[in-house]
Amino acid sequence: MAEEDSPDRGPDDVVGIVLDIVESIPPGRVMSYGQVAATFGSRSARGVGRIMALHGSEVPWWRVVRAGGLPPHGHDHEARQHYDAEGTALVTRADGGYRVAASAFL
């Protein structure tokens, strides 16, 4: 995450902020990486992705999706189990895959 995105926060503070935001997403709802970033005044969706990759295993990581509603890369199957358990609205794609429905975004 670039320092210009959050000039008064250190990197550890930003990690905590991102994880707090992710923990606050209710079951059955999602936010995109960019929405998480915008919540704390950043434009770095990639920075949020990096934080989630390194530190996100202890929070409901499946509730942070790509802008098009696709689950995190490489986690389609595991994320789907969580979406089904939480009743997250999904859309079946033509290729047989899925994405999270727009109605599930905060």
PDB file of N, CA and C in Angstrom:
ATOM      1  N   MET A   1       0.847  -1.155   0.000  1.00  0.00           N
ATOM      2  CA  MET A   1       0.000   0.000   0.000  1.00  0.00           C
ATOM      3  C   MET A   1       0.899   1.225   0.000  1.00  0.00           C
ATOM      4  N   ALA A   2       0.680   2.128  -0.892  1.00  0.00           N
ATOM      5  CA  ALA A   2       1.522   3.315  -0.998  1.00  0.00           C
ATOM      6  C   ALA A   2       1.276   4.271   0.154  1.00  0.00           C
ATOM      7  N   GLU A   3       2.360   4.898   0.604  1.00  0.00           N
ATOM      8  CA  GLU A   3       2.222   5.815   1.729  1.00  0.00           C
ATOM      9  C   GLU A   3       1.305   6.979   1.414  1.00  0.00           C
ATOM     10  N   GLU A   4       1.252   7.426   0.139  1.00  0.00           N
ATOM     11  CA  GLU A   4       0.401   8.551  -0.180  1.00  0.00           C
ATOM     12  C   GLU A   4      -1.077   8.215  -0.017  1.00  0.00           C
ATOM     13  N   ASP A   5      -1.416   6.934   0.014  1.00  0.00           N
ATOM     14  CA  ASP A   5      -2.807   6.532   0.220  1.00  0.00           C
ATOM     15  C   ASP A   5      -3.263   6.785   1.649  1.00  0.00           C
ATOM     16  N   SER A   6      -2.354   6.744   2.596  1.00  0.00           N
ATOM     17  CA  SER A   6      -2.711   6.930   4.001  1.00  0.00           C
ATOM     18  C   SER A   6      -1.542   7.575   4.737  1.00  0.00           C
ATOM     19  N   PRO A   7      -1.342   8.877   4.553  1.00  0.00           N
ATOM     20  CA  PRO A   7      -0.149   9.542   5.060  1.00  0.00           C
ATOM     21  C   PRO A   7      -0.006   9.533   6.577  1.00  0.00           C
ATOM     22  N   ASP A   8      -1.083   9.418   7.337  1.00  0.00           N
ATOM     23  CA  ASP A   8      -0.973   9.462   8.793  1.00  0.00           C
ATOM     24  C   ASP A   8      -1.055   8.080   9.430  1.00  0.00           C
ATOM     25  N   ARG A   9      -0.967   7.017   8.631  1.00  0.00           N
ATOM     26  CA  ARG A   9      -1.035   5.661   9.162  1.00  0.00           C
ATOM     27  C   ARG A   9       0.211   4.885   8.761  1.00  0.00           C
ATOM     28  N   GLY A  10       0.712   4.083   9.675  1.00  0.00           N
ATOM     29  CA  GLY A  10       1.804   3.179   9.346  1.00  0.00           C
ATOM     30  C   GLY A  10       1.252   1.919   8.723  1.00  0.00           C
ATOM     31  N   PRO A  11       2.104   1.082   8.153  1.00  0.00           N
ATOM     32  CA  PRO A  11       1.635  -0.138   7.496  1.00  0.00           C
ATOM     33  C   PRO A  11       0.882  -1.084   8.419  1.00  0.00           C
ATOM     34  N   ASP A  12       1.302  -1.177   9.686  1.00  0.00           N
ATOM     35  CA  ASP A  12       0.598  -2.062  10.617  1.00  0.00           C
ATOM     36  C   ASP A  12      -0.812  -1.548  10.897  1.00  0.00           C
ATOM     37  N   ASP A  13      -0.962  -0.225  10.971  1.00  0.00           N
ATOM     38  CA  ASP A  13      -2.282   0.356  11.178  1.00  0.00           C
ATOM     39  C   ASP A  13      -3.206   0.027  10.015  1.00  0.00           C
ATOM     40  N   VAL A  14      -2.694   0.107   8.798  1.00  0.00           N
ATOM     41  CA  VAL A  14      -3.507  -0.166   7.611  1.00  0.00           C
ATOM     42  C   VAL A  14      -3.949  -1.629   7.604  1.00  0.00           C
ATOM     43  N   VAL A  15      -3.082  -2.538   7.973  1.00  0.00           N
ATOM     44  CA  VAL A  15      -3.459  -3.951   8.055  1.00  0.00           C
ATOM     45  C   VAL A  15      -4.623  -4.111   9.028  1.00  0.00           C
ATOM     46  N   GLY A  16      -4.521  -3.524  10.190  1.00  0.00           N
ATOM     47  CA  GLY A  16      -5.593  -3.610  11.180  1.00  0.00           C
ATOM     48  C   GLY A  16      -6.885  -2.999  10.691  1.00  0.00           C
ATOM     49  N   ILE A  17      -6.789  -1.884   9.998  1.00  0.00           N
ATOM     50  CA  ILE A  17      -7.977  -1.225   9.461  1.00  0.00           C
ATOM     51  C   ILE A  17      -8.665  -2.131   8.438  1.00  0.00           C
ATOM     52  N   VAL A  18      -7.895  -2.688   7.518  1.00  0.00           N
ATOM     53  CA  VAL A  18      -8.473  -3.569   6.499  1.00  0.00           C
ATOM     54  C   VAL A  18      -9.135  -4.775   7.162  1.00  0.00           C
ATOM     55  N   LEU A  19      -8.456  -5.401   8.096  1.00  0.00           N
ATOM     56  CA  LEU A  19      -9.021  -6.583   8.752  1.00  0.00           C
ATOM     57  C   LEU A  19     -10.273  -6.234   9.547  1.00  0.00           C
ATOM     58  N   ASP A  20     -10.305  -5.065  10.182  1.00  0.00           N
ATOM     59  CA  ASP A  20     -11.510  -4.618  10.899  1.00  0.00           C
ATOM     60  C   ASP A  20     -12.681  -4.423   9.945  1.00  0.00           C
ATOM     61  N   ILE A  21     -12.419  -3.826   8.789  1.00  0.00           N
ATOM     62  CA  ILE A  21     -13.479  -3.620   7.801  1.00  0.00           C
ATOM     63  C   ILE A  21     -14.023  -4.968   7.335  1.00  0.00           C
ATOM     64  N   VAL A  22     -13.130  -5.898   7.025  1.00  0.00           N
ATOM     65  CA  VAL A  22     -13.561  -7.220   6.554  1.00  0.00           C
ATOM     66  C   VAL A  22     -14.381  -7.930   7.631  1.00  0.00           C
ATOM     67  N   GLU A  23     -13.959  -7.835   8.869  1.00  0.00           N
ATOM     68  CA  GLU A  23     -14.718  -8.461   9.957  1.00  0.00           C
ATOM     69  C   GLU A  23     -16.105  -7.863  10.113  1.00  0.00           C
ATOM     70  N   SER A  24     -16.285  -6.615   9.685  1.00  0.00           N
ATOM     71  CA  SER A  24     -17.584  -5.953   9.843  1.00  0.00           C
ATOM     72  C   SER A  24     -18.575  -6.277   8.725  1.00  0.00           C
ATOM     73  N   ILE A  25     -18.137  -6.958   7.676  1.00  0.00           N
ATOM     74  CA  ILE A  25     -19.040  -7.316   6.582  1.00  0.00           C
ATOM     75  C   ILE A  25     -19.985  -8.413   7.087  1.00  0.00           C
ATOM     76  N   PRO A  26     -21.291  -8.174   7.022  1.00  0.00           N
ATOM     77  CA  PRO A  26     -22.228  -9.170   7.555  1.00  0.00           C
ATOM     78  C   PRO A  26     -22.270 -10.451   6.724  1.00  0.00           C
ATOM     79  N   PRO A  27     -22.634 -11.567   7.345  1.00  0.00           N
ATOM     80  CA  PRO A  27     -22.793 -12.817   6.598  1.00  0.00           C
ATOM     81  C   PRO A  27     -23.777 -12.622   5.441  1.00  0.00           C
ATOM     82  N   GLY A  28     -23.454 -13.248   4.307  1.00  0.00           N
ATOM     83  CA  GLY A  28     -24.319 -13.147   3.141  1.00  0.00           C
ATOM     84  C   GLY A  28     -24.089 -11.905   2.296  1.00  0.00           C
ATOM     85  N   ARG A  29     -23.183 -11.041   2.718  1.00  0.00           N
ATOM     86  CA  ARG A  29     -22.877  -9.813   1.983  1.00  0.00           C
ATOM     87  C   ARG A  29     -21.392  -9.801   1.641  1.00  0.00           C
ATOM     88  N   VAL A  30     -21.016  -9.003   0.657  1.00  0.00           N
ATOM     89  CA  VAL A  30     -19.619  -8.905   0.239  1.00  0.00           C
ATOM     90  C   VAL A  30     -19.258  -7.459  -0.063  1.00  0.00           C
ATOM     91  N   MET A  31     -17.960  -7.224  -0.155  1.00  0.00           N
ATOM     92  CA  MET A  31     -17.411  -5.966  -0.648  1.00  0.00           C
ATOM     93  C   MET A  31     -16.297  -6.327  -1.620  1.00  0.00           C
ATOM     94  N   SER A  32     -16.071  -5.474  -2.596  1.00  0.00           N
ATOM     95  CA  SER A  32     -14.932  -5.684  -3.483  1.00  0.00           C
ATOM     96  C   SER A  32     -13.674  -5.163  -2.796  1.00  0.00           C
ATOM     97  N   TYR A  33     -12.531  -5.558  -3.319  1.00  0.00           N
ATOM     98  CA  TYR A  33     -11.265  -5.053  -2.786  1.00  0.00           C
ATOM     99  C   TYR A  33     -11.243  -3.528  -2.853  1.00  0.00           C
ATOM    100  N   GLY A  34     -11.742  -2.970  -3.945  1.00  0.00           N
ATOM    101  CA  GLY A  34     -11.786  -1.519  -4.099  1.00  0.00           C
ATOM    102  C   GLY A  34     -12.726  -0.850  -3.112  1.00  0.00           C
ATOM    103  N   GLN A  35     -13.855  -1.486  -2.814  1.00  0.00           N
ATOM    104  CA  GLN A  35     -14.769  -0.926  -1.816  1.00  0.00           C
ATOM    105  C   GLN A  35     -14.125  -0.907  -0.436  1.00  0.00           C
ATOM    106  N   VAL A  36     -13.403  -1.964  -0.103  1.00  0.00           N
ATOM    107  CA  VAL A  36     -12.708  -1.990   1.192  1.00  0.00           C
ATOM    108  C   VAL A  36     -11.712  -0.842   1.247  1.00  0.00           C
ATOM    109  N   ALA A  37     -10.937  -0.669   0.186  1.00  0.00           N
ATOM    110  CA  ALA A  37      -9.949   0.417   0.146  1.00  0.00           C
ATOM    111  C   ALA A  37     -10.629   1.775   0.291  1.00  0.00           C
ATOM    112  N   ALA A  38     -11.705   1.988  -0.440  1.00  0.00           N
ATOM    113  CA  ALA A  38     -12.405   3.274  -0.399  1.00  0.00           C
ATOM    114  C   ALA A  38     -12.979   3.574   0.979  1.00  0.00           C
ATOM    115  N   THR A  39     -13.324   2.536   1.722  1.00  0.00           N
ATOM    116  CA  THR A  39     -13.896   2.721   3.056  1.00  0.00           C
ATOM    117  C   THR A  39     -12.939   3.467   3.981  1.00  0.00           C
ATOM    118  N   PHE A  40     -11.629   3.271   3.796  1.00  0.00           N
ATOM    119  CA  PHE A  40     -10.680   3.999   4.645  1.00  0.00           C
ATOM    120  C   PHE A  40      -9.899   5.059   3.872  1.00  0.00           C
ATOM    121  N   GLY A  41     -10.434   5.470   2.727  1.00  0.00           N
ATOM    122  CA  GLY A  41      -9.857   6.595   2.002  1.00  0.00           C
ATOM    123  C   GLY A  41      -8.705   6.262   1.079  1.00  0.00           C
ATOM    124  N   SER A  42      -8.586   5.011   0.685  1.00  0.00           N
ATOM    125  CA  SER A  42      -7.514   4.594  -0.219  1.00  0.00           C
ATOM    126  C   SER A  42      -8.104   4.263  -1.584  1.00  0.00           C
ATOM    127  N   ARG A  43      -7.247   4.247  -2.589  1.00  0.00           N
ATOM    128  CA  ARG A  43      -7.653   3.791  -3.920  1.00  0.00           C
ATOM    129  C   ARG A  43      -6.923   2.503  -4.284  1.00  0.00           C
ATOM    130  N   SER A  44      -6.263   1.878  -3.334  1.00  0.00           N
ATOM    131  CA  SER A  44      -5.405   0.738  -3.618  1.00  0.00           C
ATOM    132  C   SER A  44      -6.106  -0.604  -3.374  1.00  0.00           C
ATOM    133  N   ALA A  45      -6.910  -1.019  -4.351  1.00  0.00           N
ATOM    134  CA  ALA A  45      -7.540  -2.333  -4.268  1.00  0.00           C
ATOM    135  C   ALA A  45      -6.474  -3.427  -4.211  1.00  0.00           C
ATOM    136  N   ARG A  46      -5.395  -3.239  -4.965  1.00  0.00           N
ATOM    137  CA  ARG A  46      -4.309  -4.230  -4.948  1.00  0.00           C
ATOM    138  C   ARG A  46      -3.653  -4.300  -3.570  1.00  0.00           C
ATOM    139  N   GLY A  47      -3.533  -3.166  -2.916  1.00  0.00           N
ATOM    140  CA  GLY A  47      -2.980  -3.157  -1.563  1.00  0.00           C
ATOM    141  C   GLY A  47      -3.851  -3.948  -0.612  1.00  0.00           C
ATOM    142  N   VAL A  48      -5.168  -3.805  -0.748  1.00  0.00           N
ATOM    143  CA  VAL A  48      -6.095  -4.583   0.076  1.00  0.00           C
ATOM    144  C   VAL A  48      -5.926  -6.065  -0.245  1.00  0.00           C
ATOM    145  N   GLY A  49      -5.783  -6.396  -1.517  1.00  0.00           N
ATOM    146  CA  GLY A  49      -5.574  -7.790  -1.903  1.00  0.00           C
ATOM    147  C   GLY A  49      -4.318  -8.366  -1.288  1.00  0.00           C
ATOM    148  N   ARG A  50      -3.274  -7.578  -1.265  1.00  0.00           N
ATOM    149  CA  ARG A  50      -2.014  -8.045  -0.666  1.00  0.00           C
ATOM    150  C   ARG A  50      -2.178  -8.269   0.834  1.00  0.00           C
ATOM    151  N   ILE A  51      -2.840  -7.338   1.497  1.00  0.00           N
ATOM    152  CA  ILE A  51      -3.086  -7.494   2.937  1.00  0.00           C
ATOM    153  C   ILE A  51      -3.912  -8.756   3.190  1.00  0.00           C
ATOM    154  N   MET A  52      -4.936  -8.969   2.378  1.00  0.00           N
ATOM    155  CA  MET A  52      -5.765 -10.157   2.568  1.00  0.00           C
ATOM    156  C   MET A  52      -4.965 -11.434   2.317  1.00  0.00           C
ATOM    157  N   ALA A  53      -4.097 -11.423   1.312  1.00  0.00           N
ATOM    158  CA  ALA A  53      -3.287 -12.607   1.017  1.00  0.00           C
ATOM    159  C   ALA A  53      -2.337 -12.939   2.165  1.00  0.00           C
ATOM    160  N   LEU A  54      -1.786 -11.912   2.798  1.00  0.00           N
ATOM    161  CA  LEU A  54      -0.794 -12.125   3.857  1.00  0.00           C
ATOM    162  C   LEU A  54      -1.397 -12.268   5.249  1.00  0.00           C
ATOM    163  N   HIS A  55      -2.534 -11.608   5.494  1.00  0.00           N
ATOM    164  CA  HIS A  55      -3.067 -11.529   6.864  1.00  0.00           C
ATOM    165  C   HIS A  55      -4.540 -11.908   6.986  1.00  0.00           C
ATOM    166  N   GLY A  56      -5.204 -12.234   5.890  1.00  0.00           N
ATOM    167  CA  GLY A  56      -6.652 -12.380   5.909  1.00  0.00           C
ATOM    168  C   GLY A  56      -7.220 -13.713   6.318  1.00  0.00           C
ATOM    169  N   SER A  57      -6.396 -14.672   6.649  1.00  0.00           N
ATOM    170  CA  SER A  57      -6.919 -16.016   6.935  1.00  0.00           C
ATOM    171  C   SER A  57      -7.741 -16.092   8.221  1.00  0.00           C
ATOM    172  N   GLU A  58      -7.591 -15.124   9.104  1.00  0.00           N
ATOM    173  CA  GLU A  58      -8.326 -15.158  10.382  1.00  0.00           C
ATOM    174  C   GLU A  58      -9.629 -14.374  10.346  1.00  0.00           C
ATOM    175  N   VAL A  59      -9.936 -13.740   9.211  1.00  0.00           N
ATOM    176  CA  VAL A  59     -11.184 -12.985   9.061  1.00  0.00           C
ATOM    177  C   VAL A  59     -11.989 -13.641   7.932  1.00  0.00           C
ATOM    178  N   PRO A  60     -13.256 -13.261   7.754  1.00  0.00           N
ATOM    179  CA  PRO A  60     -14.069 -13.885   6.699  1.00  0.00           C
ATOM    180  C   PRO A  60     -13.647 -13.411   5.304  1.00  0.00           C
ATOM    181  N   TRP A  61     -12.524 -13.915   4.843  1.00  0.00           N
ATOM    182  CA  TRP A  61     -11.885 -13.507   3.594  1.00  0.00           C
ATOM    183  C   TRP A  61     -12.785 -13.675   2.380  1.00  0.00           C
ATOM    184  N   TRP A  62     -13.695 -14.650   2.412  1.00  0.00           N
ATOM    185  CA  TRP A  62     -14.576 -14.923   1.276  1.00  0.00           C
ATOM    186  C   TRP A  62     -15.559 -13.781   1.035  1.00  0.00           C
ATOM    187  N   ARG A  63     -15.694 -12.881   1.998  1.00  0.00           N
ATOM    188  CA  ARG A  63     -16.602 -11.740   1.837  1.00  0.00           C
ATOM    189  C   ARG A  63     -15.954 -10.580   1.092  1.00  0.00           C
ATOM    190  N   VAL A  64     -14.710 -10.744   0.661  1.00  0.00           N
ATOM    191  CA  VAL A  64     -14.027  -9.751  -0.169  1.00  0.00           C
ATOM    192  C   VAL A  64     -13.804 -10.398  -1.525  1.00  0.00           C
ATOM    193  N   VAL A  65     -14.423  -9.807  -2.555  1.00  0.00           N
ATOM    194  CA  VAL A  65     -14.414 -10.404  -3.882  1.00  0.00           C
ATOM    195  C   VAL A  65     -13.855  -9.420  -4.910  1.00  0.00           C
ATOM    196  N   ARG A  66     -13.579  -9.939  -6.085  1.00  0.00           N
ATOM    197  CA  ARG A  66     -13.158  -9.076  -7.191  1.00  0.00           C
ATOM    198  C   ARG A  66     -14.354  -8.234  -7.637  1.00  0.00           C
ATOM    199  N   ALA A  67     -14.083  -7.133  -8.292  1.00  0.00           N
ATOM    200  CA  ALA A  67     -15.127  -6.173  -8.658  1.00  0.00           C
ATOM    201  C   ALA A  67     -16.281  -6.807  -9.428  1.00  0.00           C
ATOM    202  N   GLY A  68     -16.018  -7.816 -10.235  1.00  0.00           N
ATOM    203  CA  GLY A  68     -17.061  -8.487 -11.006  1.00  0.00           C
ATOM    204  C   GLY A  68     -17.819  -9.546 -10.232  1.00  0.00           C
ATOM    205  N   GLY A  69     -17.527  -9.683  -8.940  1.00  0.00           N
ATOM    206  CA  GLY A  69     -18.222 -10.658  -8.105  1.00  0.00           C
ATOM    207  C   GLY A  69     -17.560 -12.016  -8.043  1.00  0.00           C
ATOM    208  N   LEU A  70     -16.394 -12.154  -8.668  1.00  0.00           N
ATOM    209  CA  LEU A  70     -15.695 -13.433  -8.617  1.00  0.00           C
ATOM    210  C   LEU A  70     -14.980 -13.590  -7.278  1.00  0.00           C
ATOM    211  N   PRO A  71     -14.927 -14.811  -6.768  1.00  0.00           N
ATOM    212  CA  PRO A  71     -14.248 -15.033  -5.482  1.00  0.00           C
ATOM    213  C   PRO A  71     -12.746 -14.812  -5.624  1.00  0.00           C
ATOM    214  N   PRO A  72     -12.038 -14.744  -4.502  1.00  0.00           N
ATOM    215  CA  PRO A  72     -10.581 -14.588  -4.562  1.00  0.00           C
ATOM    216  C   PRO A  72      -9.944 -15.684  -5.416  1.00  0.00           C
ATOM    217  N   HIS A  73      -8.925 -15.314  -6.186  1.00  0.00           N
ATOM    218  CA  HIS A  73      -8.224 -16.265  -7.058  1.00  0.00           C
ATOM    219  C   HIS A  73      -7.803 -17.517  -6.295  1.00  0.00           C
ATOM    220  N   GLY A  74      -8.113 -18.666  -6.881  1.00  0.00           N
ATOM    221  CA  GLY A  74      -7.672 -19.932  -6.321  1.00  0.00           C
ATOM    222  C   GLY A  74      -8.500 -20.440  -5.159  1.00  0.00           C
ATOM    223  N   HIS A  75      -9.584 -19.740  -4.821  1.00  0.00           N
ATOM    224  CA  HIS A  75     -10.382 -20.135  -3.659  1.00  0.00           C
ATOM    225  C   HIS A  75     -11.848 -20.351  -4.009  1.00  0.00           C
ATOM    226  N   ASP A  76     -12.135 -20.629  -5.275  1.00  0.00           N
ATOM    227  CA  ASP A  76     -13.520 -20.777  -5.737  1.00  0.00           C
ATOM    228  C   ASP A  76     -14.298 -21.811  -4.921  1.00  0.00           C
ATOM    229  N   HIS A  77     -13.725 -22.989  -4.773  1.00  0.00           N
ATOM    230  CA  HIS A  77     -14.445 -24.074  -4.101  1.00  0.00           C
ATOM    231  C   HIS A  77     -14.678 -23.777  -2.618  1.00  0.00           C
ATOM    232  N   GLU A  78     -13.614 -23.380  -1.930  1.00  0.00           N
ATOM    233  CA  GLU A  78     -13.750 -23.098  -0.497  1.00  0.00           C
ATOM    234  C   GLU A  78     -14.677 -21.913  -0.247  1.00  0.00           C
ATOM    235  N   ALA A  79     -14.559 -20.872  -1.073  1.00  0.00           N
ATOM    236  CA  ALA A  79     -15.432 -19.707  -0.919  1.00  0.00           C
ATOM    237  C   ALA A  79     -16.887 -20.103  -1.148  1.00  0.00           C
ATOM    238  N   ARG A  80     -17.133 -20.963  -2.141  1.00  0.00           N
ATOM    239  CA  ARG A  80     -18.505 -21.385  -2.459  1.00  0.00           C
ATOM    240  C   ARG A  80     -19.161 -22.049  -1.253  1.00  0.00           C
ATOM    241  N   GLN A  81     -18.408 -22.823  -0.506  1.00  0.00           N
ATOM    242  CA  GLN A  81     -18.957 -23.458   0.695  1.00  0.00           C
ATOM    243  C   GLN A  81     -19.435 -22.402   1.696  1.00  0.00           C
ATOM    244  N   HIS A  82     -18.652 -21.353   1.862  1.00  0.00           N
ATOM    245  CA  HIS A  82     -19.034 -20.275   2.771  1.00  0.00           C
ATOM    246  C   HIS A  82     -20.254 -19.517   2.240  1.00  0.00           C
ATOM    247  N   TYR A  83     -20.264 -19.223   0.933  1.00  0.00           N
ATOM    248  CA  TYR A  83     -21.408 -18.504   0.355  1.00  0.00           C
ATOM    249  C   TYR A  83     -22.694 -19.298   0.529  1.00  0.00           C
ATOM    250  N   ASP A  84     -22.631 -20.595   0.269  1.00  0.00           N
ATOM    251  CA  ASP A  84     -23.816 -21.438   0.424  1.00  0.00           C
ATOM    252  C   ASP A  84     -24.277 -21.464   1.884  1.00  0.00           C
ATOM    253  N   ALA A  85     -23.347 -21.601   2.814  1.00  0.00           N
ATOM    254  CA  ALA A  85     -23.687 -21.649   4.240  1.00  0.00           C
ATOM    255  C   ALA A  85     -24.309 -20.338   4.727  1.00  0.00           C
ATOM    256  N   GLU A  86     -23.866 -19.210   4.156  1.00  0.00           N
ATOM    257  CA  GLU A  86     -24.358 -17.901   4.588  1.00  0.00           C
ATOM    258  C   GLU A  86     -25.554 -17.412   3.770  1.00  0.00           C
ATOM    259  N   GLY A  87     -25.924 -18.143   2.727  1.00  0.00           N
ATOM    260  CA  GLY A  87     -27.042 -17.719   1.895  1.00  0.00           C
ATOM    261  C   GLY A  87     -26.713 -16.532   1.003  1.00  0.00           C
ATOM    262  N   THR A  88     -25.457 -16.395   0.610  1.00  0.00           N
ATOM    263  CA  THR A  88     -25.035 -15.307  -0.268  1.00  0.00           C
ATOM    264  C   THR A  88     -25.643 -15.521  -1.651  1.00  0.00           C
ATOM    265  N   ALA A  89     -26.228 -14.463  -2.213  1.00  0.00           N
ATOM    266  CA  ALA A  89     -26.835 -14.554  -3.541  1.00  0.00           C
ATOM    267  C   ALA A  89     -25.749 -14.756  -4.594  1.00  0.00           C
ATOM    268  N   LEU A  90     -25.917 -15.779  -5.428  1.00  0.00           N
ATOM    269  CA  LEU A  90     -24.949 -16.120  -6.464  1.00  0.00           C
ATOM    270  C   LEU A  90     -25.627 -16.176  -7.823  1.00  0.00           C
ATOM    271  N   VAL A  91     -24.840 -16.013  -8.863  1.00  0.00           N
ATOM    272  CA  VAL A  91     -25.303 -16.115 -10.239  1.00  0.00           C
ATOM    273  C   VAL A  91     -24.438 -17.165 -10.931  1.00  0.00           C
ATOM    274  N   THR A  92     -25.079 -18.112 -11.620  1.00  0.00           N
ATOM    275  CA  THR A  92     -24.340 -19.118 -12.382  1.00  0.00           C
ATOM    276  C   THR A  92     -23.916 -18.507 -13.705  1.00  0.00           C
ATOM    277  N   ARG A  93     -22.639 -18.677 -14.035  1.00  0.00           N
ATOM    278  CA  ARG A  93     -22.096 -18.164 -15.298  1.00  0.00           C
ATOM    279  C   ARG A  93     -22.282 -19.186 -16.407  1.00  0.00           C
ATOM    280  N   ALA A  94     -22.184 -18.740 -17.639  1.00  0.00           N
ATOM    281  CA  ALA A  94     -22.356 -19.617 -18.800  1.00  0.00           C
ATOM    282  C   ALA A  94     -21.338 -20.749 -18.824  1.00  0.00           C
ATOM    283  N   ASP A  95     -20.156 -20.520 -18.257  1.00  0.00           N
ATOM    284  CA  ASP A  95     -19.118 -21.559 -18.252  1.00  0.00           C
ATOM    285  C   ASP A  95     -19.275 -22.546 -17.095  1.00  0.00           C
ATOM    286  N   GLY A  96     -20.369 -22.431 -16.342  1.00  0.00           N
ATOM    287  CA  GLY A  96     -20.630 -23.330 -15.228  1.00  0.00           C
ATOM    288  C   GLY A  96     -20.080 -22.841 -13.907  1.00  0.00           C
ATOM    289  N   GLY A  97     -19.282 -21.790 -13.939  1.00  0.00           N
ATOM    290  CA  GLY A  97     -18.767 -21.189 -12.704  1.00  0.00           C
ATOM    291  C   GLY A  97     -19.834 -20.312 -12.063  1.00  0.00           C
ATOM    292  N   TYR A  98     -19.427 -19.499 -11.134  1.00  0.00           N
ATOM    293  CA  TYR A  98     -20.370 -18.618 -10.456  1.00  0.00           C
ATOM    294  C   TYR A  98     -19.701 -17.296 -10.138  1.00  0.00           C
ATOM    295  N   ARG A  99     -20.530 -16.352  -9.787  1.00  0.00           N
ATOM    296  CA  ARG A  99     -20.072 -15.080  -9.235  1.00  0.00           C
ATOM    297  C   ARG A  99     -21.102 -14.654  -8.196  1.00  0.00           C
ATOM    298  N   VAL A 100     -20.692 -13.759  -7.314  1.00  0.00           N
ATOM    299  CA  VAL A 100     -21.606 -13.227  -6.320  1.00  0.00           C
ATOM    300  C   VAL A 100     -22.511 -12.216  -7.017  1.00  0.00           C
ATOM    301  N   ALA A 101     -23.797 -12.287  -6.742  1.00  0.00           N
ATOM    302  CA  ALA A 101     -24.778 -11.394  -7.351  1.00  0.00           C
ATOM    303  C   ALA A 101     -24.574  -9.957  -6.849  1.00  0.00           C
ATOM    304  N   ALA A 102     -24.900  -9.008  -7.694  1.00  0.00           N
ATOM    305  CA  ALA A 102     -24.769  -7.590  -7.343  1.00  0.00           C
ATOM    306  C   ALA A 102     -25.561  -7.259  -6.082  1.00  0.00           C
ATOM    307  N   SER A 103     -26.666  -7.941  -5.846  1.00  0.00           N
ATOM    308  CA  SER A 103     -27.494  -7.662  -4.673  1.00  0.00           C
ATOM    309  C   SER A 103     -26.802  -7.985  -3.353  1.00  0.00           C
ATOM    310  N   ALA A 104     -25.716  -8.765  -3.396  1.00  0.00           N
ATOM    311  CA  ALA A 104     -24.992  -9.132  -2.170  1.00  0.00           C
ATOM    312  C   ALA A 104     -23.935  -8.108  -1.790  1.00  0.00           C
ATOM    313  N   PHE A 105     -23.631  -7.160  -2.688  1.00  0.00           N
ATOM    314  CA  PHE A 105     -22.625  -6.142  -2.399  1.00  0.00           C
ATOM    315  C   PHE A 105     -23.192  -5.097  -1.436  1.00  0.00           C
ATOM    316  N   LEU A 106     -22.356  -4.666  -0.513  1.00  0.00           N
ATOM    317  CA  LEU A 106     -22.761  -3.585   0.388  1.00  0.00           C
ATOM    318  C   LEU A 106     -22.719  -2.262  -0.352  1.00  0.00           C
TER     319      LEU A 106
END
